[in-house]
PDB file of all heavy atoms in Angstrom:
ATOM      1  N   PHE A   1      -2.871   9.029  20.883  1.00  0.00           N
ATOM      2  CA  PHE A   1      -1.443   9.149  20.590  1.00  0.00           C
ATOM      3  C   PHE A   1      -1.210   9.082  19.081  1.00  0.00           C
ATOM      4  O   PHE A   1      -0.455   9.889  18.523  1.00  0.00           O
ATOM      5  CB  PHE A   1      -0.642   8.054  21.308  1.00  0.00           C
ATOM      6  CG  PHE A   1       0.825   8.103  21.002  1.00  0.00           C
ATOM      7  CD1 PHE A   1       1.625   9.079  21.567  1.00  0.00           C
ATOM      8  CD2 PHE A   1       1.393   7.180  20.133  1.00  0.00           C
ATOM      9  CE1 PHE A   1       2.975   9.148  21.271  1.00  0.00           C
ATOM     10  CE2 PHE A   1       2.741   7.234  19.831  1.00  0.00           C
ATOM     11  CZ  PHE A   1       3.542   8.220  20.405  1.00  0.00           C
ATOM     12  N   ILE A   2      -1.862   8.132  18.415  1.00  0.00           N
ATOM     13  CA  ILE A   2      -1.722   8.008  16.958  1.00  0.00           C
ATOM     14  C   ILE A   2      -2.216   9.279  16.267  1.00  0.00           C
ATOM     15  O   ILE A   2      -1.573   9.797  15.347  1.00  0.00           O
ATOM     16  CB  ILE A   2      -2.473   6.760  16.442  1.00  0.00           C
ATOM     17  CG1 ILE A   2      -1.731   5.498  16.881  1.00  0.00           C
ATOM     18  CG2 ILE A   2      -2.641   6.796  14.929  1.00  0.00           C
ATOM     19  CD1 ILE A   2      -2.481   4.208  16.628  1.00  0.00           C
ATOM     20  N   LEU A   3      -3.342   9.801  16.722  1.00  0.00           N
ATOM     21  CA  LEU A   3      -3.892  11.024  16.145  1.00  0.00           C
ATOM     22  C   LEU A   3      -2.945  12.199  16.361  1.00  0.00           C
ATOM     23  O   LEU A   3      -2.736  13.023  15.464  1.00  0.00           O
ATOM     24  CB  LEU A   3      -5.259  11.311  16.770  1.00  0.00           C
ATOM     25  CG  LEU A   3      -6.207  12.204  16.016  1.00  0.00           C
ATOM     26  CD1 LEU A   3      -6.413  11.737  14.588  1.00  0.00           C
ATOM     27  CD2 LEU A   3      -7.528  12.286  16.735  1.00  0.00           C
ATOM     28  N   PHE A   4      -2.346  12.281  17.540  1.00  0.00           N
ATOM     29  CA  PHE A   4      -1.397  13.351  17.863  1.00  0.00           C
ATOM     30  C   PHE A   4      -0.176  13.276  16.942  1.00  0.00           C
ATOM     31  O   PHE A   4       0.240  14.279  16.352  1.00  0.00           O
ATOM     32  CB  PHE A   4      -0.981  13.238  19.333  1.00  0.00           C
ATOM     33  CG  PHE A   4       0.050  14.235  19.759  1.00  0.00           C
ATOM     34  CD1 PHE A   4      -0.288  15.555  19.973  1.00  0.00           C
ATOM     35  CD2 PHE A   4       1.363  13.836  19.936  1.00  0.00           C
ATOM     36  CE1 PHE A   4       0.672  16.474  20.360  1.00  0.00           C
ATOM     37  CE2 PHE A   4       2.332  14.753  20.326  1.00  0.00           C
ATOM     38  CZ  PHE A   4       1.980  16.070  20.535  1.00  0.00           C
ATOM     39  N   VAL A   5       0.393  12.099  16.792  1.00  0.00           N
ATOM     40  CA  VAL A   5       1.560  11.908  15.921  1.00  0.00           C
ATOM     41  C   VAL A   5       1.193  12.227  14.473  1.00  0.00           C
ATOM     42  O   VAL A   5       1.951  12.883  13.750  1.00  0.00           O
ATOM     43  CB  VAL A   5       2.133  10.473  16.055  1.00  0.00           C
ATOM     44  CG1 VAL A   5       3.191  10.192  15.007  1.00  0.00           C
ATOM     45  CG2 VAL A   5       2.698  10.264  17.459  1.00  0.00           C
ATOM     46  N   TYR A   6       0.013  11.772  14.057  1.00  0.00           N
ATOM     47  CA  TYR A   6      -0.464  12.039  12.700  1.00  0.00           C
ATOM     48  C   TYR A   6      -0.562  13.551  12.453  1.00  0.00           C
ATOM     49  O   TYR A   6      -0.134  14.046  11.409  1.00  0.00           O
ATOM     50  CB  TYR A   6      -1.824  11.367  12.510  1.00  0.00           C
ATOM     51  CG  TYR A   6      -2.439  11.551  11.146  1.00  0.00           C
ATOM     52  CD1 TYR A   6      -1.993  10.810  10.060  1.00  0.00           C
ATOM     53  CD2 TYR A   6      -3.486  12.448  10.945  1.00  0.00           C
ATOM     54  CE1 TYR A   6      -2.570  10.962   8.805  1.00  0.00           C
ATOM     55  CE2 TYR A   6      -4.064  12.604   9.700  1.00  0.00           C
ATOM     56  CZ  TYR A   6      -3.602  11.861   8.636  1.00  0.00           C
ATOM     57  OH  TYR A   6      -4.166  12.014   7.397  1.00  0.00           O
ATOM     58  N   CYS A   7      -1.119  14.287  13.420  1.00  0.00           N
ATOM     59  CA  CYS A   7      -1.229  15.746  13.291  1.00  0.00           C
ATOM     60  C   CYS A   7       0.147  16.379  13.167  1.00  0.00           C
ATOM     61  O   CYS A   7       0.349  17.289  12.363  1.00  0.00           O
ATOM     62  CB  CYS A   7      -1.968  16.340  14.488  1.00  0.00           C
ATOM     63  SG  CYS A   7      -3.730  16.138  14.383  1.00  0.00           S
ATOM     64  N   LEU A   8       1.091  15.915  13.972  1.00  0.00           N
ATOM     65  CA  LEU A   8       2.457  16.448  13.891  1.00  0.00           C
ATOM     66  C   LEU A   8       3.056  16.202  12.509  1.00  0.00           C
ATOM     67  O   LEU A   8       3.666  17.103  11.917  1.00  0.00           O
ATOM     68  CB  LEU A   8       3.349  15.805  14.953  1.00  0.00           C
ATOM     69  CG  LEU A   8       3.147  16.256  16.394  1.00  0.00           C
ATOM     70  CD1 LEU A   8       4.073  15.471  17.322  1.00  0.00           C
ATOM     71  CD2 LEU A   8       3.406  17.743  16.538  1.00  0.00           C
ATOM     72  N   LEU A   9       2.879  14.979  12.003  1.00  0.00           N
ATOM     73  CA  LEU A   9       3.446  14.644  10.690  1.00  0.00           C
ATOM     74  C   LEU A   9       2.810  15.460   9.565  1.00  0.00           C
ATOM     75  O   LEU A   9       3.512  16.018   8.721  1.00  0.00           O
ATOM     76  CB  LEU A   9       3.273  13.153  10.409  1.00  0.00           C
ATOM     77  CG  LEU A   9       4.125  12.207  11.249  1.00  0.00           C
ATOM     78  CD1 LEU A   9       3.732  10.751  10.991  1.00  0.00           C
ATOM     79  CD2 LEU A   9       5.598  12.416  10.951  1.00  0.00           C
ATOM     80  N   ILE A  10       1.481  15.525   9.552  1.00  0.00           N
ATOM     81  CA  ILE A  10       0.793  16.293   8.508  1.00  0.00           C
ATOM     82  C   ILE A  10       1.121  17.778   8.652  1.00  0.00           C
ATOM     83  O   ILE A  10       1.359  18.472   7.655  1.00  0.00           O
ATOM     84  CB  ILE A  10      -0.735  16.058   8.552  1.00  0.00           C
ATOM     85  CG1 ILE A  10      -1.050  14.585   8.296  1.00  0.00           C
ATOM     86  CG2 ILE A  10      -1.465  16.941   7.541  1.00  0.00           C
ATOM     87  CD1 ILE A  10      -0.529  14.041   6.990  1.00  0.00           C
ATOM     88  N   GLY A  11       1.161  18.269   9.890  1.00  0.00           N
ATOM     89  CA  GLY A  11       1.547  19.660  10.123  1.00  0.00           C
ATOM     90  C   GLY A  11       2.953  19.939   9.621  1.00  0.00           C
ATOM     91  O   GLY A  11       3.218  20.991   9.030  1.00  0.00           O
ATOM     92  N   ALA A  12       3.868  18.993   9.826  1.00  0.00           N
ATOM     93  CA  ALA A  12       5.246  19.153   9.351  1.00  0.00           C
ATOM     94  C   ALA A  12       5.292  19.163   7.823  1.00  0.00           C
ATOM     95  O   ALA A  12       6.026  19.967   7.222  1.00  0.00           O
ATOM     96  CB  ALA A  12       6.128  18.041   9.916  1.00  0.00           C
ATOM     97  N   ILE A  13       4.511  18.295   7.195  1.00  0.00           N
ATOM     98  CA  ILE A  13       4.487  18.244   5.720  1.00  0.00           C
ATOM     99  C   ILE A  13       4.036  19.584   5.150  1.00  0.00           C
ATOM    100  O   ILE A  13       4.606  20.087   4.176  1.00  0.00           O
ATOM    101  CB  ILE A  13       3.574  17.100   5.228  1.00  0.00           C
ATOM    102  CG1 ILE A  13       4.226  15.743   5.533  1.00  0.00           C
ATOM    103  CG2 ILE A  13       3.258  17.238   3.741  1.00  0.00           C
ATOM    104  CD1 ILE A  13       3.317  14.551   5.340  1.00  0.00           C
ATOM    105  N   PHE A  14       3.008  20.194   5.764  1.00  0.00           N
ATOM    106  CA  PHE A  14       2.485  21.469   5.268  1.00  0.00           C
ATOM    107  C   PHE A  14       3.131  22.678   5.951  1.00  0.00           C
ATOM    108  O   PHE A  14       2.726  23.816   5.718  1.00  0.00           O
ATOM    109  CB  PHE A  14       0.961  21.526   5.435  1.00  0.00           C
ATOM    110  CG  PHE A  14       0.229  20.572   4.549  1.00  0.00           C
ATOM    111  CD1 PHE A  14      -0.500  19.520   5.080  1.00  0.00           C
ATOM    112  CD2 PHE A  14       0.269  20.706   3.167  1.00  0.00           C
ATOM    113  CE1 PHE A  14      -1.176  18.632   4.270  1.00  0.00           C
ATOM    114  CE2 PHE A  14      -0.410  19.830   2.341  1.00  0.00           C
ATOM    115  CZ  PHE A  14      -1.133  18.783   2.888  1.00  0.00           C
ATOM    116  N   ASN A  15       4.116  22.421   6.801  1.00  0.00           N
ATOM    117  CA  ASN A  15       4.844  23.480   7.510  1.00  0.00           C
ATOM    118  C   ASN A  15       3.920  24.321   8.408  1.00  0.00           C
ATOM    119  O   ASN A  15       4.045  25.549   8.477  1.00  0.00           O
ATOM    120  CB  ASN A  15       5.601  24.363   6.517  1.00  0.00           C
ATOM    121  CG  ASN A  15       6.705  25.148   7.197  1.00  0.00           C
ATOM    122  OD1 ASN A  15       7.227  24.729   8.236  1.00  0.00           O
ATOM    123  ND2 ASN A  15       7.059  26.286   6.632  1.00  0.00           N
ATOM    124  N   VAL A  16       2.985  23.647   9.088  1.00  0.00           N
ATOM    125  CA  VAL A  16       2.066  24.311  10.022  1.00  0.00           C
ATOM    126  C   VAL A  16       1.910  23.447  11.283  1.00  0.00           C
ATOM    127  O   VAL A  16       0.788  23.187  11.721  1.00  0.00           O
ATOM    128  CB  VAL A  16       0.686  24.607   9.369  1.00  0.00           C
ATOM    129  CG1 VAL A  16       0.767  25.723   8.352  1.00  0.00           C
ATOM    130  CG2 VAL A  16       0.082  23.355   8.758  1.00  0.00           C
ATOM    131  N   VAL A  17       3.026  23.044  11.870  1.00  0.00           N
ATOM    132  CA  VAL A  17       2.982  22.104  13.001  1.00  0.00           C
ATOM    133  C   VAL A  17       2.203  22.684  14.177  1.00  0.00           C
ATOM    134  O   VAL A  17       1.292  22.030  14.706  1.00  0.00           O
ATOM    135  CB  VAL A  17       4.405  21.698  13.433  1.00  0.00           C
ATOM    136  CG1 VAL A  17       4.366  20.842  14.687  1.00  0.00           C
ATOM    137  CG2 VAL A  17       5.114  20.961  12.315  1.00  0.00           C
ATOM    138  N   LEU A  18       2.543  23.895  14.604  1.00  0.00           N
ATOM    139  CA  LEU A  18       1.851  24.488  15.763  1.00  0.00           C
ATOM    140  C   LEU A  18       0.376  24.725  15.474  1.00  0.00           C
ATOM    141  O   LEU A  18      -0.485  24.490  16.326  1.00  0.00           O
ATOM    142  CB  LEU A  18       2.536  25.789  16.189  1.00  0.00           C
ATOM    143  CG  LEU A  18       3.927  25.630  16.787  1.00  0.00           C
ATOM    144  CD1 LEU A  18       4.541  26.998  17.086  1.00  0.00           C
ATOM    145  CD2 LEU A  18       3.882  24.779  18.057  1.00  0.00           C
ATOM    146  N   GLN A  19       0.077  25.158  14.272  1.00  0.00           N
ATOM    147  CA  GLN A  19      -1.319  25.393  13.899  1.00  0.00           C
ATOM    148  C   GLN A  19      -2.098  24.079  13.871  1.00  0.00           C
ATOM    149  O   GLN A  19      -3.265  24.033  14.272  1.00  0.00           O
ATOM    150  CB  GLN A  19      -1.389  26.076  12.517  1.00  0.00           C
ATOM    151  CG  GLN A  19      -0.796  27.456  12.492  1.00  0.00           C
ATOM    152  CD  GLN A  19       0.712  27.466  12.217  1.00  0.00           C
ATOM    153  OE1 GLN A  19       1.404  26.458  12.345  1.00  0.00           O
ATOM    154  NE2 GLN A  19       1.233  28.629  11.852  1.00  0.00           N
ATOM    155  N   ALA A  20      -1.453  23.005  13.420  1.00  0.00           N
ATOM    156  CA  ALA A  20      -2.099  21.682  13.412  1.00  0.00           C
ATOM    157  C   ALA A  20      -2.385  21.226  14.837  1.00  0.00           C
ATOM    158  O   ALA A  20      -3.437  20.632  15.110  1.00  0.00           O
ATOM    159  CB  ALA A  20      -1.220  20.666  12.692  1.00  0.00           C
ATOM    160  N   LEU A  21      -1.470  21.514  15.749  1.00  0.00           N
ATOM    161  CA  LEU A  21      -1.686  21.150  17.154  1.00  0.00           C
ATOM    162  C   LEU A  21      -2.824  21.958  17.763  1.00  0.00           C
ATOM    163  O   LEU A  21      -3.655  21.416  18.501  1.00  0.00           O
ATOM    164  CB  LEU A  21      -0.406  21.337  17.960  1.00  0.00           C
ATOM    165  CG  LEU A  21       0.699  20.325  17.660  1.00  0.00           C
ATOM    166  CD1 LEU A  21       1.961  20.658  18.448  1.00  0.00           C
ATOM    167  CD2 LEU A  21       0.243  18.915  17.962  1.00  0.00           C
ATOM    168  N   VAL A  22      -2.883  23.253  17.450  1.00  0.00           N
ATOM    169  CA  VAL A  22      -3.982  24.093  17.940  1.00  0.00           C
ATOM    170  C   VAL A  22      -5.311  23.537  17.431  1.00  0.00           C
ATOM    171  O   VAL A  22      -6.263  23.361  18.202  1.00  0.00           O
ATOM    172  CB  VAL A  22      -3.803  25.566  17.492  1.00  0.00           C
ATOM    173  CG1 VAL A  22      -5.068  26.376  17.750  1.00  0.00           C
ATOM    174  CG2 VAL A  22      -2.611  26.190  18.204  1.00  0.00           C
ATOM    175  N   PHE A  23      -5.369  23.244  16.146  1.00  0.00           N
ATOM    176  CA  PHE A  23      -6.577  22.666  15.539  1.00  0.00           C
ATOM    177  C   PHE A  23      -6.990  21.381  16.255  1.00  0.00           C
ATOM    178  O   PHE A  23      -8.145  21.214  16.636  1.00  0.00           O
ATOM    179  CB  PHE A  23      -6.331  22.396  14.046  1.00  0.00           C
ATOM    180  CG  PHE A  23      -7.206  21.324  13.477  1.00  0.00           C
ATOM    181  CD1 PHE A  23      -8.523  21.585  13.149  1.00  0.00           C
ATOM    182  CD2 PHE A  23      -6.716  20.031  13.290  1.00  0.00           C
ATOM    183  CE1 PHE A  23      -9.340  20.577  12.641  1.00  0.00           C
ATOM    184  CE2 PHE A  23      -7.520  19.035  12.782  1.00  0.00           C
ATOM    185  CZ  PHE A  23      -8.839  19.309  12.456  1.00  0.00           C
ATOM    186  N   SER A  24      -6.036  20.466  16.439  1.00  0.00           N
ATOM    187  CA  SER A  24      -6.375  19.165  17.021  1.00  0.00           C
ATOM    188  C   SER A  24      -6.804  19.288  18.478  1.00  0.00           C
ATOM    189  O   SER A  24      -7.707  18.582  18.916  1.00  0.00           O
ATOM    190  CB  SER A  24      -5.224  18.169  16.870  1.00  0.00           C
ATOM    191  OG  SER A  24      -4.086  18.604  17.565  1.00  0.00           O
ATOM    192  N   VAL A  25      -6.191  20.191  19.232  1.00  0.00           N
ATOM    193  CA  VAL A  25      -6.587  20.390  20.632  1.00  0.00           C
ATOM    194  C   VAL A  25      -8.013  20.942  20.702  1.00  0.00           C
ATOM    195  O   VAL A  25      -8.835  20.471  21.495  1.00  0.00           O
ATOM    196  CB  VAL A  25      -5.593  21.317  21.369  1.00  0.00           C
ATOM    197  CG1 VAL A  25      -6.154  21.793  22.695  1.00  0.00           C
ATOM    198  CG2 VAL A  25      -4.258  20.604  21.569  1.00  0.00           C
ATOM    199  N   VAL A  26      -8.308  21.936  19.868  1.00  0.00           N
ATOM    200  CA  VAL A  26      -9.659  22.518  19.847  1.00  0.00           C
ATOM    201  C   VAL A  26     -10.684  21.437  19.497  1.00  0.00           C
ATOM    202  O   VAL A  26     -11.699  21.281  20.191  1.00  0.00           O
ATOM    203  CB  VAL A  26      -9.745  23.700  18.845  1.00  0.00           C
ATOM    204  CG1 VAL A  26     -11.185  24.110  18.590  1.00  0.00           C
ATOM    205  CG2 VAL A  26      -8.942  24.876  19.366  1.00  0.00           C
ATOM    206  N   PHE A  27     -10.414  20.679  18.442  1.00  0.00           N
ATOM    207  CA  PHE A  27     -11.340  19.618  18.043  1.00  0.00           C
ATOM    208  C   PHE A  27     -11.496  18.584  19.156  1.00  0.00           C
ATOM    209  O   PHE A  27     -12.615  18.209  19.511  1.00  0.00           O
ATOM    210  CB  PHE A  27     -10.863  18.929  16.755  1.00  0.00           C
ATOM    211  CG  PHE A  27     -11.728  17.761  16.369  1.00  0.00           C
ATOM    212  CD1 PHE A  27     -12.932  17.960  15.714  1.00  0.00           C
ATOM    213  CD2 PHE A  27     -11.366  16.469  16.710  1.00  0.00           C
ATOM    214  CE1 PHE A  27     -13.751  16.887  15.384  1.00  0.00           C
ATOM    215  CE2 PHE A  27     -12.167  15.388  16.378  1.00  0.00           C
ATOM    216  CZ  PHE A  27     -13.369  15.598  15.718  1.00  0.00           C
ATOM    217  N   TYR A  28     -10.390  18.129  19.704  1.00  0.00           N
ATOM    218  CA  TYR A  28     -10.407  17.077  20.723  1.00  0.00           C
ATOM    219  C   TYR A  28     -11.196  17.511  21.964  1.00  0.00           C
ATOM    220  O   TYR A  28     -12.050  16.768  22.454  1.00  0.00           O
ATOM    221  CB  TYR A  28      -8.972  16.704  21.100  1.00  0.00           C
ATOM    222  CG  TYR A  28      -8.878  15.702  22.212  1.00  0.00           C
ATOM    223  CD1 TYR A  28      -9.148  14.359  21.980  1.00  0.00           C
ATOM    224  CD2 TYR A  28      -8.533  16.087  23.505  1.00  0.00           C
ATOM    225  CE1 TYR A  28      -9.069  13.429  23.011  1.00  0.00           C
ATOM    226  CE2 TYR A  28      -8.447  15.160  24.530  1.00  0.00           C
ATOM    227  CZ  TYR A  28      -8.721  13.837  24.271  1.00  0.00           C
ATOM    228  OH  TYR A  28      -8.651  12.928  25.294  1.00  0.00           O
ATOM    229  N   VAL A  29     -10.942  18.719  22.445  1.00  0.00           N
ATOM    230  CA  VAL A  29     -11.625  19.206  23.660  1.00  0.00           C
ATOM    231  C   VAL A  29     -13.125  19.365  23.393  1.00  0.00           C
ATOM    232  O   VAL A  29     -13.953  18.930  24.192  1.00  0.00           O
ATOM    233  CB  VAL A  29     -10.997  20.526  24.165  1.00  0.00           C
ATOM    234  CG1 VAL A  29     -11.823  21.151  25.271  1.00  0.00           C
ATOM    235  CG2 VAL A  29      -9.560  20.284  24.648  1.00  0.00           C
ATOM    236  N   LEU A  30     -13.470  19.966  22.268  1.00  0.00           N
ATOM    237  CA  LEU A  30     -14.894  20.117  21.939  1.00  0.00           C
ATOM    238  C   LEU A  30     -15.573  18.761  21.752  1.00  0.00           C
ATOM    239  O   LEU A  30     -16.693  18.554  22.218  1.00  0.00           O
ATOM    240  CB  LEU A  30     -15.057  20.950  20.664  1.00  0.00           C
ATOM    241  CG  LEU A  30     -15.022  22.455  20.820  1.00  0.00           C
ATOM    242  CD1 LEU A  30     -14.989  23.119  19.449  1.00  0.00           C
ATOM    243  CD2 LEU A  30     -16.197  22.964  21.630  1.00  0.00           C
ATOM    244  N   HIS A  31     -14.879  17.847  21.085  1.00  0.00           N
ATOM    245  CA  HIS A  31     -15.453  16.529  20.811  1.00  0.00           C
ATOM    246  C   HIS A  31     -15.739  15.754  22.100  1.00  0.00           C
ATOM    247  O   HIS A  31     -16.687  14.975  22.157  1.00  0.00           O
ATOM    248  CB  HIS A  31     -14.509  15.737  19.896  1.00  0.00           C
ATOM    249  CG  HIS A  31     -15.136  14.537  19.284  1.00  0.00           C
ATOM    250  ND1 HIS A  31     -16.115  14.615  18.314  1.00  0.00           N
ATOM    251  CD2 HIS A  31     -14.938  13.213  19.504  1.00  0.00           C
ATOM    252  CE1 HIS A  31     -16.478  13.403  17.967  1.00  0.00           C
ATOM    253  NE2 HIS A  31     -15.788  12.523  18.674  1.00  0.00           N
ATOM    254  N   ARG A  32     -14.931  15.972  23.117  1.00  0.00           N
ATOM    255  CA  ARG A  32     -15.134  15.299  24.409  1.00  0.00           C
ATOM    256  C   ARG A  32     -16.501  15.631  25.012  1.00  0.00           C
ATOM    257  O   ARG A  32     -17.121  14.788  25.656  1.00  0.00           O
ATOM    258  CB  ARG A  32     -14.049  15.706  25.417  1.00  0.00           C
ATOM    259  CG  ARG A  32     -12.757  15.019  25.224  1.00  0.00           C
ATOM    260  CD  ARG A  32     -12.849  13.637  25.842  1.00  0.00           C
ATOM    261  NE  ARG A  32     -11.619  12.938  25.614  1.00  0.00           N
ATOM    262  CZ  ARG A  32     -11.529  11.714  25.141  1.00  0.00           C
ATOM    263  NH1 ARG A  32     -12.607  11.065  24.817  1.00  0.00           N
ATOM    264  NH2 ARG A  32     -10.378  11.139  24.971  1.00  0.00           N
ATOM    265  N   PHE A  33     -16.942  16.874  24.816  1.00  0.00           N
ATOM    266  CA  PHE A  33     -18.195  17.307  25.436  1.00  0.00           C
ATOM    267  C   PHE A  33     -19.356  17.399  24.449  1.00  0.00           C
ATOM    268  O   PHE A  33     -20.496  17.145  24.822  1.00  0.00           O
ATOM    269  CB  PHE A  33     -17.995  18.647  26.143  1.00  0.00           C
ATOM    270  CG  PHE A  33     -16.988  18.572  27.252  1.00  0.00           C
ATOM    271  CD1 PHE A  33     -15.706  19.048  27.082  1.00  0.00           C
ATOM    272  CD2 PHE A  33     -17.321  17.965  28.454  1.00  0.00           C
ATOM    273  CE1 PHE A  33     -14.765  18.946  28.101  1.00  0.00           C
ATOM    274  CE2 PHE A  33     -16.394  17.849  29.476  1.00  0.00           C
ATOM    275  CZ  PHE A  33     -15.110  18.352  29.297  1.00  0.00           C
ATOM    276  N   ALA A  34     -19.084  17.764  23.208  1.00  0.00           N
ATOM    277  CA  ALA A  34     -20.156  17.922  22.223  1.00  0.00           C
ATOM    278  C   ALA A  34     -20.507  16.601  21.543  1.00  0.00           C
ATOM    279  O   ALA A  34     -21.580  16.464  20.979  1.00  0.00           O
ATOM    280  CB  ALA A  34     -19.761  18.959  21.172  1.00  0.00           C
TER     281      ALA A  34
END
């Protein structure tokens, strides 16, 4: 949850909120298995 909120905040600062979420989902899903 903290990581998700952090991604939203940093994404908002750089004006790339959706892209930050895509990045974090890809990393999170891969990290679960890799």
